Protein backbone atom coordinates (compact mmCIF):
# COMPACT_ATOMS: atom_id res chain seq x y z
CA MET A 1 27.99 -10.27 29.78
CA SER A 2 30.13 -11.58 26.94
CA LYS A 3 32.93 -9.31 25.70
CA ARG A 4 32.99 -10.90 22.24
CA GLY A 5 30.89 -8.08 20.75
CA ASP A 6 32.72 -5.19 22.47
CA ALA A 7 34.70 -4.11 19.43
CA TYR A 8 31.59 -4.00 17.26
CA ARG A 9 29.65 -2.21 20.01
CA ARG A 10 32.31 0.48 20.15
CA ALA A 11 31.82 0.93 16.39
CA GLY A 12 28.11 1.51 17.01
CA VAL A 13 26.53 -1.91 16.38
CA ASP A 14 25.05 -3.73 19.40
CA THR A 15 24.44 -7.33 18.33
CA GLN A 16 23.12 -8.29 21.76
CA LYS A 17 20.48 -5.57 21.62
CA ALA A 18 19.53 -6.78 18.14
CA GLY A 19 19.20 -10.34 19.42
CA LEU A 20 16.94 -9.25 22.27
CA PHE A 21 14.82 -7.22 19.85
CA LEU A 22 14.36 -10.31 17.68
CA GLU A 23 13.29 -12.41 20.66
CA ASN A 24 10.83 -9.74 21.80
CA ILE A 25 9.04 -9.52 18.45
CA LYS A 26 8.69 -13.26 17.80
CA SER A 27 5.32 -13.53 19.52
CA LEU A 28 4.12 -10.45 17.65
CA VAL A 29 5.11 -11.86 14.27
CA SER A 30 3.65 -15.31 15.01
CA ARG A 31 0.15 -13.77 14.99
CA THR A 32 0.38 -13.66 11.19
CA HIS A 33 1.45 -17.29 10.75
CA GLY A 34 -0.92 -19.83 9.22
CA LYS A 35 -0.42 -23.44 8.22
CA GLY A 36 1.83 -22.54 5.28
CA VAL A 37 4.62 -21.19 7.52
CA ILE A 38 6.96 -23.95 8.63
CA THR A 39 9.76 -21.95 10.29
CA ASP A 40 10.00 -19.36 13.02
CA ILE A 41 11.69 -16.03 12.30
CA GLY A 42 15.42 -15.86 12.93
CA GLY A 43 16.63 -18.42 10.41
CA PHE A 44 18.64 -17.66 7.29
CA GLY A 45 15.48 -17.86 5.19
CA GLY A 46 11.76 -18.19 5.79
CA LEU A 47 10.07 -21.38 4.63
CA TYR A 48 6.55 -21.48 3.23
CA LYS A 49 4.80 -24.64 2.03
CA LEU A 50 2.45 -23.82 -0.82
CA ASP A 51 -0.97 -25.50 -0.70
CA MET A 52 -1.48 -26.86 -4.23
CA ASN A 53 -4.91 -28.43 -3.67
CA ASN A 54 -6.85 -25.72 -5.53
CA LEU A 55 -4.14 -24.71 -7.99
CA LYS A 56 -3.82 -26.29 -11.42
CA GLU A 57 -1.11 -24.02 -12.82
CA PRO A 58 0.16 -21.77 -10.02
CA VAL A 59 1.82 -18.48 -10.93
CA LEU A 60 3.77 -16.60 -8.28
CA VAL A 61 3.31 -12.83 -8.25
CA ALA A 62 5.91 -10.70 -6.44
CA SER A 63 6.17 -7.01 -5.60
CA SER A 64 8.48 -4.81 -3.55
CA ASP A 65 8.13 -1.21 -2.39
CA GLY A 66 8.81 1.21 0.42
CA VAL A 67 7.02 4.02 2.23
CA GLY A 68 8.98 6.90 0.71
CA THR A 69 9.31 10.32 2.31
CA LYS A 70 6.15 9.83 4.34
CA LEU A 71 8.67 8.46 6.82
CA LYS A 72 9.92 12.02 7.33
CA LEU A 73 6.56 12.88 8.88
CA ALA A 74 6.75 9.84 11.15
CA PHE A 75 10.09 11.22 12.38
CA LEU A 76 8.70 14.75 12.71
CA PHE A 77 5.64 13.65 14.70
CA ASN A 78 7.53 10.88 16.54
CA ARG A 79 4.85 8.41 15.60
CA HIS A 80 5.86 5.06 14.11
CA ASP A 81 2.93 2.67 14.55
CA THR A 82 1.26 3.27 11.15
CA VAL A 83 4.08 3.29 8.58
CA GLY A 84 4.35 -0.50 8.80
CA ILE A 85 0.79 -0.76 7.48
CA ASP A 86 1.79 1.53 4.61
CA LEU A 87 4.73 -0.73 3.89
CA VAL A 88 2.60 -3.85 3.57
CA ALA A 89 -0.14 -2.07 1.65
CA MET A 90 2.11 -0.78 -1.12
CA SER A 91 3.27 -4.26 -2.11
CA VAL A 92 0.10 -6.21 -1.27
CA ASN A 93 -2.18 -3.93 -3.30
CA ASP A 94 0.10 -4.37 -6.32
CA VAL A 95 -0.10 -8.16 -6.01
CA LEU A 96 -3.89 -8.05 -5.66
CA VAL A 97 -4.23 -6.19 -8.97
CA GLN A 98 -3.24 -9.33 -10.86
CA GLY A 99 -5.72 -11.50 -9.01
CA ALA A 100 -3.18 -13.08 -6.67
CA LYS A 101 -3.73 -14.11 -3.08
CA PRO A 102 -0.97 -12.64 -0.88
CA LEU A 103 0.96 -15.49 0.75
CA PHE A 104 3.79 -13.93 2.70
CA PHE A 105 5.63 -10.68 3.33
CA LEU A 106 9.18 -9.82 4.31
CA ASP A 107 10.35 -6.49 5.66
CA TYR A 108 13.67 -4.63 5.81
CA LEU A 109 14.24 -2.06 8.56
CA ALA A 110 17.49 -0.09 8.70
CA MET A 111 18.44 2.30 11.52
CA GLY A 112 21.58 4.18 12.42
CA LYS A 113 21.19 2.96 15.99
CA LEU A 114 18.60 0.36 16.93
CA ASP A 115 15.86 1.79 19.12
CA PRO A 116 13.81 -1.23 20.28
CA ARG A 117 10.78 0.93 21.14
CA ILE A 118 10.60 2.47 17.69
CA GLY A 119 11.41 -0.86 16.07
CA GLU A 120 8.57 -2.58 17.90
CA ASP A 121 6.11 0.17 16.98
CA ILE A 122 7.08 -0.23 13.32
CA LEU A 123 6.71 -4.02 13.50
CA LYS A 124 3.28 -3.68 15.13
CA GLY A 125 2.19 -1.81 12.01
CA VAL A 126 3.72 -4.44 9.72
CA VAL A 127 1.90 -7.19 11.62
CA GLN A 128 -1.38 -5.26 11.46
CA GLY A 129 -0.91 -4.83 7.71
CA CYS A 130 -0.25 -8.53 7.23
CA LEU A 131 -3.35 -9.41 9.25
CA GLN A 132 -5.44 -7.08 7.08
CA ALA A 133 -3.92 -8.61 3.94
CA GLY A 134 -4.32 -12.21 5.12
CA CYS A 135 -0.64 -13.00 4.60
CA ALA A 136 2.18 -14.20 6.84
CA LEU A 137 5.09 -12.08 7.98
CA LEU A 138 7.65 -14.72 7.05
CA GLY A 139 10.80 -12.90 8.09
CA GLY A 140 12.90 -9.88 7.35
CA GLU A 141 16.02 -7.98 8.27
CA THR A 142 16.78 -5.39 10.93
CA ALA A 143 20.02 -3.61 10.12
CA GLU A 144 21.90 -1.32 12.49
CA MET A 145 24.04 1.02 10.36
CA PRO A 146 26.00 3.62 12.35
CA ASP A 147 26.74 6.93 10.60
CA PHE A 148 24.38 6.02 7.74
CA TYR A 149 21.13 7.51 9.10
CA PRO A 150 20.69 10.57 11.35
CA PRO A 151 19.59 9.85 14.95
CA GLY A 152 15.92 8.89 15.13
CA GLU A 153 15.62 8.14 11.41
CA TYR A 154 15.32 4.86 9.54
CA ASP A 155 14.28 3.37 6.23
CA LEU A 156 11.78 0.66 5.37
CA SER A 157 11.22 -1.62 2.41
CA GLY A 158 9.09 -4.70 1.94
CA PHE A 159 8.47 -7.63 -0.34
CA CYS A 160 5.27 -9.58 -0.95
CA VAL A 161 4.73 -12.87 -2.78
CA GLY A 162 1.29 -14.06 -3.84
CA VAL A 163 -0.12 -16.84 -5.99
CA VAL A 164 -2.84 -17.14 -8.63
CA ASP A 165 -3.88 -19.91 -10.95
CA ASP A 166 -2.72 -19.13 -14.49
CA SER A 167 -6.27 -19.34 -15.84
CA LEU A 168 -7.43 -16.74 -13.29
CA LEU A 169 -4.61 -14.25 -13.81
CA ILE A 170 -6.02 -10.75 -14.34
CA ASP A 171 -4.12 -8.69 -16.91
CA GLY A 172 -6.84 -6.51 -18.45
CA GLY A 173 -7.07 -8.61 -21.58
CA GLU A 174 -10.81 -9.16 -21.11
CA ILE A 175 -11.66 -5.46 -20.83
CA ARG A 176 -14.03 -4.24 -23.56
CA PRO A 177 -15.70 -0.96 -24.58
CA GLU A 178 -18.66 -0.03 -22.33
CA ASP A 179 -17.17 -1.80 -19.31
CA ILE A 180 -17.65 0.12 -16.08
CA LEU A 181 -14.99 1.72 -13.89
CA ILE A 182 -15.65 1.44 -10.16
CA GLY A 183 -13.57 3.55 -7.78
CA LEU A 184 -12.87 2.30 -4.25
CA GLU A 185 -12.36 4.90 -1.55
CA SER A 186 -8.83 5.65 -0.39
CA SER A 187 -7.98 6.31 3.24
CA GLY A 188 -6.27 9.57 2.32
CA LEU A 189 -2.93 10.35 0.73
CA HIS A 190 -1.74 6.73 1.07
CA SER A 191 2.05 6.76 0.47
CA ASN A 192 2.57 8.99 -2.54
CA GLY A 193 3.38 12.64 -3.11
CA PHE A 194 4.91 13.31 0.30
CA SER A 195 7.93 15.18 -1.03
CA LEU A 196 5.41 17.82 -2.10
CA VAL A 197 3.11 17.42 0.93
CA ARG A 198 5.99 18.01 3.37
CA LYS A 199 6.92 21.26 1.66
CA LEU A 200 3.31 22.43 1.77
CA LEU A 201 3.06 21.52 5.46
CA ASP A 202 6.20 23.51 6.22
CA LYS A 203 4.84 26.50 4.29
CA SER A 204 1.46 26.30 6.09
CA GLY A 205 2.96 26.60 9.57
CA LEU A 206 0.68 23.83 10.91
CA SER A 207 1.95 21.56 13.68
CA GLY A 208 1.08 17.92 14.18
CA GLU A 209 -1.30 18.74 17.03
CA ASP A 210 -3.26 21.39 15.13
CA PRO A 211 -6.71 20.60 13.70
CA PHE A 212 -6.40 19.68 10.04
CA PRO A 213 -8.37 22.19 7.88
CA GLY A 214 -11.82 20.92 6.97
CA THR A 215 -11.76 18.10 9.53
CA THR A 216 -12.01 17.51 13.27
CA ARG A 217 -8.80 15.44 13.27
CA ARG A 218 -5.22 16.39 14.09
CA VAL A 219 -2.73 17.15 11.31
CA SER A 220 -0.57 14.17 12.31
CA ASP A 221 -3.56 11.79 12.17
CA VAL A 222 -4.60 12.92 8.70
CA LEU A 223 -1.14 12.92 7.15
CA LEU A 224 -0.05 9.62 8.71
CA GLU A 225 -3.33 7.83 7.99
CA PRO A 226 -2.11 4.45 6.68
CA THR A 227 -2.69 3.21 3.16
CA ARG A 228 -5.84 1.15 2.75
CA ILE A 229 -5.34 -2.54 2.01
CA TYR A 230 -7.97 -3.86 -0.41
CA ALA A 231 -7.47 -7.61 0.14
CA SER A 232 -10.86 -8.40 1.67
CA GLU A 233 -12.76 -6.43 -0.98
CA VAL A 234 -10.89 -8.09 -3.85
CA LYS A 235 -11.03 -11.64 -2.51
CA GLY A 236 -14.82 -12.08 -2.58
CA LEU A 237 -15.23 -10.53 -6.01
CA LEU A 238 -12.52 -12.65 -7.58
CA ARG A 239 -14.11 -15.81 -6.25
CA ASP A 240 -17.16 -15.12 -8.44
CA ASN A 241 -15.15 -13.88 -11.46
CA LEU A 242 -16.71 -10.42 -11.36
CA VAL A 243 -13.61 -8.34 -12.14
CA LYS A 244 -11.88 -7.88 -15.51
CA GLY A 245 -9.13 -5.51 -14.46
CA MET A 246 -7.83 -3.67 -11.42
CA VAL A 247 -5.64 -0.64 -10.82
CA HIS A 248 -3.75 0.40 -7.70
CA ILE A 249 -3.61 4.20 -7.80
CA THR A 250 -0.09 4.95 -6.55
CA GLY A 251 2.70 7.25 -7.80
CA GLY A 252 1.66 8.62 -11.19
CA GLY A 253 -1.97 8.93 -10.15
CA PHE A 254 -4.75 8.23 -12.63
CA TYR A 255 -2.85 9.15 -15.77
CA ASP A 256 0.07 6.73 -15.36
CA ASN A 257 -1.51 3.79 -13.54
CA ILE A 258 -4.69 3.14 -15.53
CA PRO A 259 -2.81 2.49 -18.81
CA ARG A 260 -0.93 -0.33 -17.08
CA VAL A 261 -4.16 -2.35 -17.23
CA VAL A 262 -6.26 -0.79 -20.02
CA HIS A 263 -4.59 -1.85 -23.28
CA ARG A 264 -3.73 0.42 -26.19
CA GLU A 265 -6.91 0.09 -28.24
CA LEU A 266 -9.03 1.37 -25.35
CA CYS A 267 -9.26 4.41 -23.11
CA ALA A 268 -10.76 5.02 -19.70
CA ARG A 269 -13.15 7.98 -19.62
CA ILE A 270 -13.69 9.27 -16.11
CA GLU A 271 -16.25 11.73 -14.82
CA PHE A 272 -14.47 13.97 -12.35
CA GLY A 273 -16.53 14.63 -9.23
CA SER A 274 -18.42 11.35 -9.41
CA TRP A 275 -16.74 10.39 -6.13
CA GLU A 276 -16.14 12.22 -2.86
CA ILE A 277 -12.79 14.02 -2.71
CA PRO A 278 -11.44 14.14 0.86
CA ALA A 279 -10.46 17.34 2.66
CA VAL A 280 -6.74 16.53 2.56
CA MET A 281 -6.79 16.60 -1.26
CA HIS A 282 -8.51 20.00 -1.34
CA TRP A 283 -5.93 21.30 1.14
CA VAL A 284 -3.01 20.05 -0.97
CA ARG A 285 -4.46 21.59 -4.13
CA GLU A 286 -5.09 24.95 -2.49
CA GLN A 287 -1.77 25.11 -0.64
CA GLY A 288 0.16 24.12 -3.74
CA GLY A 289 -1.82 26.19 -6.23
CA LEU A 290 -2.33 23.04 -8.29
CA SER A 291 -4.88 22.24 -10.98
CA TRP A 292 -6.98 19.10 -10.69
CA GLU A 293 -5.03 17.73 -13.66
CA ASP A 294 -1.87 18.13 -11.56
CA MET A 295 -3.54 16.48 -8.59
CA LEU A 296 -4.72 13.48 -10.62
CA GLN A 297 -1.19 13.03 -11.96
CA ILE A 298 0.32 12.85 -8.46
CA PHE A 299 -2.33 11.70 -5.97
CA ASN A 300 -5.22 9.24 -5.72
CA CYS A 301 -7.64 12.13 -5.02
CA GLY A 302 -9.87 9.86 -2.94
CA VAL A 303 -9.85 6.74 -5.16
CA GLY A 304 -7.12 4.34 -4.07
CA TYR A 305 -8.12 1.36 -6.21
CA LEU A 306 -10.09 0.83 -9.42
CA MET A 307 -12.03 -2.15 -10.71
CA VAL A 308 -13.20 -2.70 -14.29
CA VAL A 309 -16.37 -4.79 -14.52
CA SER A 310 -19.02 -5.69 -17.08
CA PRO A 311 -22.02 -3.32 -17.23
CA GLY A 312 -24.35 -6.09 -16.08
CA ASP A 313 -22.23 -6.74 -12.96
CA SER A 314 -21.62 -3.16 -11.85
CA GLU A 315 -24.53 -2.79 -9.42
CA ASP A 316 -23.83 -6.19 -7.87
CA VAL A 317 -20.17 -5.29 -7.39
CA LEU A 318 -21.08 -1.90 -5.91
CA SER A 319 -23.51 -3.41 -3.43
CA ARG A 320 -20.98 -6.03 -2.34
CA LEU A 321 -18.24 -3.47 -1.83
CA ARG A 322 -20.53 -1.22 0.18
CA ALA A 323 -21.69 -4.16 2.27
CA MET A 324 -18.03 -4.72 3.19
CA GLY A 325 -17.78 -1.13 4.38
CA CYS A 326 -15.90 0.16 1.34
CA ARG A 327 -17.40 3.34 -0.10
CA SER A 328 -17.37 2.94 -3.87
CA TRP A 329 -18.67 4.76 -6.92
CA ILE A 330 -19.15 4.28 -10.65
CA ILE A 331 -16.67 6.85 -11.91
CA GLY A 332 -16.41 6.15 -15.61
CA ARG A 333 -16.53 3.80 -18.57
CA ILE A 334 -14.21 2.14 -21.08
CA HIS A 335 -14.27 3.41 -24.69
CA GLU A 336 -12.40 2.69 -27.86
CA ALA A 337 -9.30 4.86 -28.10
CA GLN A 338 -9.52 7.81 -30.46
CA LYS A 339 -6.93 8.73 -33.08
CA GLU A 340 -4.81 10.63 -30.57
CA LYS A 341 -4.63 7.39 -28.56
CA GLN A 342 -5.36 9.05 -25.21
CA ARG A 343 -5.47 6.28 -22.65
CA VAL A 344 -7.14 8.30 -19.89
CA ILE A 345 -9.69 11.07 -20.48
CA ILE A 346 -11.07 12.94 -17.49
CA ASP A 347 -14.17 15.07 -18.04
CA PHE A 348 -14.14 18.08 -15.72
């Protein structure tokens, strides 16, 4: 074995272990590669050749995000195979909102000491997320940072780039009064609000192996359920120009995210209870002593993604979504904004 890396190894960074980890994950990552990828991972930068055949005026759409303190539960439950899906979902869903097709994704994983088993579990989730999103895992960075993270902990961030033709860019500008709001089912908490959720879990005394209240699943399964990726649902509807606006319900819930798409002269009026609220949301509300207004400010409350469509297209869109296995509901309507300029009104 070469002694060239001994000094760095003594400082806590094992470059040989990192090199072996990279070699071991190459076949895993290659599952996401399509014809646009023209390099293998391991280079200084990933190369992607954009297919311009169906693009007149291509616009690149980029987003970056992380998983947040949901990672603390992955550490607590020693389960790391789902947070990679969360990582991809948080950026991909943001890119989808503007009508873009996700092209490629890059990840950043930082650990105090590289644990190849944990690293591979994380990457399996990232690969699964990319497969669900229909994008390539083009590359990334695995950083070993001694003394920076406690043993067994790490951080994740990710970056997605997509493309859309300028004429097909969705920015909410076509939304009009009487348009219909369709809510798409979330898979649970997704990746928001976990600083609060972790405190409530600690207060409850529940362990990861306990049954989660109101379900037949374990606590760890419910709380680590990965964020839903809406790529397949969005793709078919965009092809037929059936969507005027979309919203990814992330941090800030309904009240902060909907105004990012519904412009100032309009408001979204939502009928609370027009969709099914999952057990985990009821548990959070009861444990935290929260109002539903509080919940809708922080969490998705069972609706992870919104679509705004014309009244005449709403039933068609609903039937298509349900045929794809995505439970969906008409949850509200667009109105002209009143004098107080409320952008989101929820009728309880």
